Amino acid sequence: MATFSREELERYRRHIVLPEVGGAGQAKLKAASVLVVGAGGLGSPVIMYLAAAGVGRIGIVDDDAVDLSNLQRQIIHATSDVGRAKAESAAAFVERLNPHVTVEALPFRLRAENALEVISRYDVVVDGSDNFATRYLVSDACYFAKKPLIWGAIGQFTGQLSVFKPYERDADGQPLAGYRDLLPEAPPPGSVPSCAEAGVIGALPGVIGALQAMEAIKEIVGFGTSLAGWLLLYDALDTSFTKVRLKWRPDNPLTGRNPTITDLSVHAGREDETLCAAQKEAEKGR
């Protein structure tokens, strides 16, 4: 079990006094590693809360640079960071916040050639990517690597959240739902306006990103009930949450009865496809 300095015990004392966490749970957090894909709207609160919680190693993969238009919602970055690589800006924030966390800035794009190797180095993956190609790539790679995927999406005033573990089975012996069960295929490019066109309220990714961080912490420590197999819907306009059951699709090309996706080669050359409205710019800058 991990040992803690006096400073760490003081830093995490509000966790340690929780019966559901305690010293053993905090030790699990210290020993854990999380990869955050995207350091923008969703990635900002995810990274901040995981670092504050004491997750031992955080990887931040993002090939984008900070833009002034990001700062309305991507709160991990400051005005002085404009033009800087998002992965490096976010990593610098983590270093300032918690010196007990090892942070790895990965300022490149996940591709079919590197995704499985990168994802396999972490215990949990949180997805805040900015295009459909990356989302399907990350989802499929997490399935092959058997890593829990914490997924979130936002658009205008609504958000969605789920945990995907399709490599595990439910009480009926069927695979738990994955991203391809929720969204079998991407909408045609340009068929739905992006958040850059439709807009997004700045605090919304904070709500969904914080929930993503909570689900990641639950997966690591092991308390509570996982969102695996469920989709959580949030509507900011009427302040409502709705929880919907997600079901495995027998025709799922990854986990169905006759899978056609057996490795990541299907993703080769697809890394530049665009994202839909419920995910685009807010996730462009997650």
Protein backbone atom coordinates (compact mmCIF):
# COMPACT_ATOMS: atom_id res chain seq x y z
CA MET A 1 0.00 0.00 0.00
CA ALA A 2 1.15 3.52 -0.77
CA THR A 3 2.59 5.60 2.04
CA PHE A 4 1.79 9.26 2.59
CA SER A 5 3.83 12.19 3.84
CA ARG A 6 2.41 14.49 6.53
CA GLU A 7 1.63 17.02 3.82
CA GLU A 8 -0.30 14.45 1.78
CA LEU A 9 -2.27 13.31 4.84
CA GLU A 10 -3.31 16.90 5.46
CA ARG A 11 -4.07 17.51 1.77
CA TYR A 12 -6.34 14.47 1.47
CA ARG A 13 -7.82 14.39 4.98
CA ARG A 14 -11.37 15.14 3.71
CA HIS A 15 -11.11 12.02 1.57
CA ILE A 16 -9.56 9.86 4.24
CA VAL A 17 -12.33 10.52 6.77
CA LEU A 18 -14.93 9.24 4.30
CA PRO A 19 -15.70 5.59 5.14
CA GLU A 20 -16.14 4.86 1.42
CA VAL A 21 -12.61 6.09 0.69
CA GLY A 22 -10.39 6.04 3.78
CA GLY A 23 -6.66 5.51 3.70
CA ALA A 24 -6.98 2.43 1.51
CA GLY A 25 -9.01 4.29 -1.09
CA GLN A 26 -6.61 7.22 -1.11
CA ALA A 27 -3.76 4.76 -1.60
CA LYS A 28 -5.61 3.36 -4.64
CA LEU A 29 -5.86 6.87 -6.07
CA LYS A 30 -2.15 7.46 -5.51
CA ALA A 31 -1.30 4.19 -7.24
CA ALA A 32 -3.65 4.80 -10.17
CA SER A 33 -3.09 6.31 -13.59
CA VAL A 34 -5.63 8.09 -15.81
CA LEU A 35 -5.35 9.17 -19.43
CA VAL A 36 -7.40 12.25 -20.32
CA VAL A 37 -8.00 12.60 -24.05
CA GLY A 38 -8.47 16.31 -24.69
CA ALA A 39 -7.52 19.25 -22.48
CA GLY A 40 -10.39 21.58 -23.26
CA GLY A 41 -13.92 22.13 -21.93
CA LEU A 42 -14.47 18.65 -20.49
CA GLY A 43 -10.83 17.84 -19.96
CA SER A 44 -10.27 20.97 -17.86
CA PRO A 45 -12.41 19.99 -14.85
CA VAL A 46 -11.52 16.33 -15.25
CA ILE A 47 -7.79 17.05 -15.02
CA MET A 48 -8.20 19.57 -12.22
CA TYR A 49 -10.31 17.31 -10.00
CA LEU A 50 -8.26 14.19 -10.62
CA ALA A 51 -5.08 16.07 -9.76
CA ALA A 52 -6.67 17.54 -6.65
CA ALA A 53 -7.91 14.08 -5.64
CA GLY A 54 -4.38 12.70 -5.72
CA VAL A 55 -4.45 10.40 -8.74
CA GLY A 56 -0.81 9.36 -8.93
CA ARG A 57 -0.22 9.71 -12.68
CA ILE A 58 -2.23 11.70 -15.21
CA GLY A 59 -1.58 11.63 -18.95
CA ILE A 60 -2.94 14.50 -21.05
CA VAL A 61 -3.11 13.91 -24.79
CA ASP A 62 -4.08 16.84 -27.03
CA ASP A 63 -2.50 18.10 -30.24
CA ASP A 64 -4.26 21.48 -30.21
CA ALA A 65 -3.08 24.90 -28.99
CA VAL A 66 -4.93 27.29 -26.68
CA ASP A 67 -7.09 29.82 -28.53
CA LEU A 68 -8.70 32.92 -27.04
CA SER A 69 -12.16 31.55 -27.90
CA ASN A 70 -11.44 28.49 -25.72
CA LEU A 71 -11.21 30.46 -22.49
CA GLN A 72 -14.98 30.93 -22.09
CA ARG A 73 -15.17 27.29 -20.94
CA GLN A 74 -11.70 25.68 -20.91
CA ILE A 75 -10.86 26.87 -17.43
CA ILE A 76 -7.56 25.05 -16.97
CA HIS A 77 -5.95 27.55 -19.36
CA ALA A 78 -5.29 31.28 -18.82
CA THR A 79 -5.05 34.23 -21.19
CA SER A 80 -1.27 34.00 -20.98
CA ASP A 81 -1.48 30.43 -22.35
CA VAL A 82 -2.96 31.48 -25.71
CA GLY A 83 -0.84 29.87 -28.43
CA ARG A 84 0.64 27.29 -26.07
CA ALA A 85 0.06 23.55 -26.55
CA LYS A 86 -2.99 22.57 -24.49
CA ALA A 87 -1.32 19.43 -23.15
CA GLU A 88 1.61 21.47 -21.84
CA SER A 89 -0.60 24.25 -20.44
CA ALA A 90 -2.78 21.73 -18.60
CA ALA A 91 0.26 19.83 -17.32
CA ALA A 92 1.71 23.06 -15.92
CA PHE A 93 -1.54 23.64 -14.02
CA VAL A 94 -1.34 20.17 -12.48
CA GLU A 95 2.23 20.79 -11.36
CA ARG A 96 1.16 24.00 -9.64
CA LEU A 97 -1.87 22.39 -8.02
CA ASN A 98 -0.41 19.17 -6.67
CA PRO A 99 3.32 18.36 -6.63
CA HIS A 100 2.53 14.79 -5.55
CA VAL A 101 1.01 13.96 -8.95
CA THR A 102 3.10 12.85 -11.91
CA VAL A 103 1.76 14.49 -15.06
CA GLU A 104 2.61 13.50 -18.61
CA ALA A 105 1.99 16.01 -21.41
CA LEU A 106 1.36 14.20 -24.69
CA PRO A 107 1.02 16.95 -27.33
CA PHE A 108 0.09 14.70 -30.22
CA ARG A 109 -2.99 13.10 -31.76
CA LEU A 110 -4.06 9.55 -31.02
CA ARG A 111 -3.98 7.49 -34.20
CA ALA A 112 -4.52 3.88 -35.18
CA GLU A 113 -0.77 3.34 -34.95
CA ASN A 114 -0.29 4.62 -31.37
CA ALA A 115 -3.65 4.52 -29.56
CA LEU A 116 -3.44 1.00 -28.14
CA GLU A 117 0.12 1.49 -26.90
CA VAL A 118 -0.71 4.81 -25.20
CA ILE A 119 -4.01 3.68 -23.68
CA SER A 120 -2.51 0.42 -22.38
CA ARG A 121 -0.20 2.43 -20.09
CA TYR A 122 -3.12 3.76 -17.99
CA ASP A 123 -5.74 2.25 -15.70
CA VAL A 124 -8.67 4.46 -16.72
CA VAL A 125 -9.38 6.61 -19.79
CA VAL A 126 -11.51 9.77 -19.84
CA ASP A 127 -12.56 10.86 -23.33
CA GLY A 128 -12.94 14.52 -24.24
CA SER A 129 -11.82 14.30 -27.88
CA ASP A 130 -12.94 16.61 -30.67
CA ASN A 131 -13.95 14.39 -33.57
CA PHE A 132 -15.84 11.20 -34.26
CA ALA A 133 -12.80 9.41 -35.60
CA THR A 134 -10.94 9.85 -32.32
CA ARG A 135 -13.96 8.88 -30.23
CA TYR A 136 -14.43 5.59 -32.07
CA LEU A 137 -10.69 4.99 -32.01
CA VAL A 138 -10.46 5.59 -28.25
CA SER A 139 -13.53 3.46 -27.58
CA ASP A 140 -12.26 0.54 -29.64
CA ALA A 141 -8.75 0.78 -28.17
CA CYS A 142 -10.18 0.76 -24.63
CA TYR A 143 -12.13 -2.38 -25.51
CA PHE A 144 -9.04 -4.19 -26.78
CA ALA A 145 -6.95 -2.97 -23.82
CA LYS A 146 -9.79 -3.75 -21.37
CA LYS A 147 -9.73 -0.25 -19.85
CA PRO A 148 -12.83 1.53 -18.49
CA LEU A 149 -13.79 4.53 -20.61
CA ILE A 150 -15.47 7.54 -19.00
CA TRP A 151 -17.35 9.31 -21.79
CA GLY A 152 -19.00 12.72 -21.84
CA ALA A 153 -20.48 15.06 -24.44
CA ILE A 154 -22.10 18.49 -24.43
CA GLY A 155 -23.97 20.83 -26.75
CA GLN A 156 -25.56 24.23 -26.14
CA PHE A 157 -27.38 23.52 -22.82
CA THR A 158 -27.35 19.71 -22.63
CA GLY A 159 -24.83 17.08 -21.65
CA GLN A 160 -24.44 13.30 -21.65
CA LEU A 161 -22.32 10.94 -19.58
CA SER A 162 -21.65 7.20 -19.47
CA VAL A 163 -19.06 4.61 -18.50
CA PHE A 164 -18.19 2.04 -21.15
CA LYS A 165 -16.86 -1.39 -20.18
CA PRO A 166 -18.01 -3.61 -23.06
CA TYR A 167 -15.31 -6.17 -22.25
CA GLU A 168 -17.36 -7.06 -19.15
CA ARG A 169 -20.73 -8.82 -19.06
CA ASP A 170 -23.99 -8.07 -17.26
CA ALA A 171 -26.07 -10.39 -15.10
CA ASP A 172 -27.59 -11.96 -18.24
CA GLY A 173 -24.19 -12.78 -19.67
CA GLN A 174 -24.35 -10.14 -22.39
CA PRO A 175 -21.62 -7.54 -22.96
CA LEU A 176 -22.12 -4.21 -21.24
CA ALA A 177 -23.00 -1.43 -23.65
CA GLY A 178 -20.18 0.46 -25.35
CA TYR A 179 -19.93 3.61 -27.44
CA ARG A 180 -20.87 1.70 -30.60
CA ASP A 181 -24.09 0.60 -28.90
CA LEU A 182 -24.98 4.21 -28.14
CA LEU A 183 -23.92 5.56 -31.53
CA PRO A 184 -23.45 2.79 -34.13
CA GLU A 185 -21.95 5.17 -36.68
CA ALA A 186 -21.07 8.84 -37.01
CA PRO A 187 -23.53 11.22 -38.68
CA PRO A 188 -22.44 12.41 -42.12
CA PRO A 189 -19.90 15.25 -41.93
CA GLY A 190 -21.63 18.63 -41.81
CA SER A 191 -25.07 17.14 -41.13
CA VAL A 192 -25.26 18.74 -37.69
CA PRO A 193 -23.94 22.21 -36.79
CA SER A 194 -20.89 22.32 -34.57
CA CYS A 195 -20.80 24.06 -31.20
CA ALA A 196 -18.75 26.78 -32.89
CA GLU A 197 -21.87 27.44 -34.99
CA ALA A 198 -24.58 26.59 -32.45
CA GLY A 199 -22.83 27.83 -29.29
CA VAL A 200 -22.38 26.30 -25.84
CA ILE A 201 -22.89 27.77 -22.38
CA GLY A 202 -19.52 28.05 -20.66
CA ALA A 203 -20.37 26.36 -17.35
CA LEU A 204 -21.89 23.26 -18.98
CA PRO A 205 -18.62 21.35 -19.55
CA GLY A 206 -17.81 22.03 -15.90
CA VAL A 207 -20.91 20.09 -14.86
CA ILE A 208 -20.28 17.10 -17.14
CA GLY A 209 -16.50 17.16 -16.68
CA ALA A 210 -16.86 17.10 -12.89
CA LEU A 211 -19.18 14.11 -13.22
CA GLN A 212 -16.62 12.38 -15.44
CA ALA A 213 -13.97 12.95 -12.78
CA MET A 214 -16.30 11.49 -10.15
CA GLU A 215 -16.94 8.37 -12.23
CA ALA A 216 -13.20 7.93 -12.76
CA ILE A 217 -12.59 8.19 -9.01
CA LYS A 218 -15.37 5.65 -8.36
CA GLU A 219 -13.80 3.23 -10.84
CA ILE A 220 -10.43 3.54 -9.12
CA VAL A 221 -11.54 3.38 -5.49
CA GLY A 222 -14.46 1.00 -6.02
CA PHE A 223 -17.28 2.70 -4.13
CA GLY A 224 -20.81 3.43 -5.32
CA THR A 225 -22.55 2.15 -8.44
CA SER A 226 -20.91 2.47 -11.85
CA LEU A 227 -22.69 4.18 -14.74
CA ALA A 228 -21.68 1.25 -16.95
CA GLY A 229 -24.77 0.22 -18.89
CA TRP A 230 -26.47 3.59 -18.34
CA LEU A 231 -26.60 6.98 -20.05
CA LEU A 232 -27.02 10.10 -17.90
CA LEU A 233 -28.68 13.06 -19.61
CA TYR A 234 -28.45 16.60 -18.21
CA ASP A 235 -30.58 19.56 -19.29
CA ALA A 236 -29.32 22.86 -17.91
CA LEU A 237 -32.40 24.82 -19.00
CA ASP A 238 -34.73 22.97 -16.64
CA THR A 239 -32.03 21.61 -14.30
CA SER A 240 -32.98 17.98 -14.86
CA PHE A 241 -31.09 14.71 -14.90
CA THR A 242 -32.45 11.61 -16.65
CA LYS A 243 -30.89 8.15 -16.46
CA VAL A 244 -31.51 5.82 -19.40
CA ARG A 245 -30.56 2.14 -19.73
CA LEU A 246 -28.13 1.37 -22.56
CA LYS A 247 -28.39 -2.03 -24.19
CA TRP A 248 -25.87 -4.11 -26.09
CA ARG A 249 -26.60 -4.43 -29.80
CA PRO A 250 -26.14 -7.96 -31.21
CA ASP A 251 -25.10 -6.36 -34.53
CA ASN A 252 -22.37 -4.26 -32.87
CA PRO A 253 -19.35 -4.58 -35.20
CA LEU A 254 -16.98 -4.66 -32.22
CA THR A 255 -18.76 -6.74 -29.58
CA GLY A 256 -21.70 -8.25 -31.46
CA ARG A 257 -22.37 -11.85 -32.36
CA ASN A 258 -20.39 -11.53 -35.59
CA PRO A 259 -17.75 -8.84 -34.96
CA THR A 260 -16.04 -7.35 -37.99
CA ILE A 261 -13.63 -5.11 -36.06
CA THR A 262 -10.81 -7.23 -34.67
CA ASP A 263 -8.06 -4.61 -34.42
CA LEU A 264 -7.52 -0.87 -34.92
CA SER A 265 -6.60 -1.05 -38.61
CA VAL A 266 -10.15 0.05 -39.46
CA HIS A 267 -9.23 3.49 -38.11
CA ALA A 268 -6.18 4.07 -40.29
CA GLY A 269 -6.54 7.36 -42.14
CA ARG A 270 -9.75 8.42 -40.39
CA GLU A 271 -8.25 10.69 -37.76
CA ASP A 272 -9.42 13.95 -39.33
CA GLU A 273 -13.16 13.35 -39.50
CA THR A 274 -15.31 15.98 -37.79
CA LEU A 275 -17.50 15.75 -34.69
CA CYS A 276 -21.21 16.44 -34.35
CA ALA A 277 -22.94 19.34 -32.72
CA ALA A 278 -23.31 17.75 -29.33
CA GLN A 279 -19.56 17.32 -29.12
CA LYS A 280 -17.68 19.50 -31.61
CA GLU A 281 -16.14 22.71 -30.32
CA ALA A 282 -16.75 22.11 -26.67
CA GLU A 283 -14.94 18.88 -27.19
CA LYS A 284 -12.63 20.44 -29.64
CA GLY A 285 -11.45 22.18 -26.67
CA ARG A 286 -12.25 19.69 -23.98
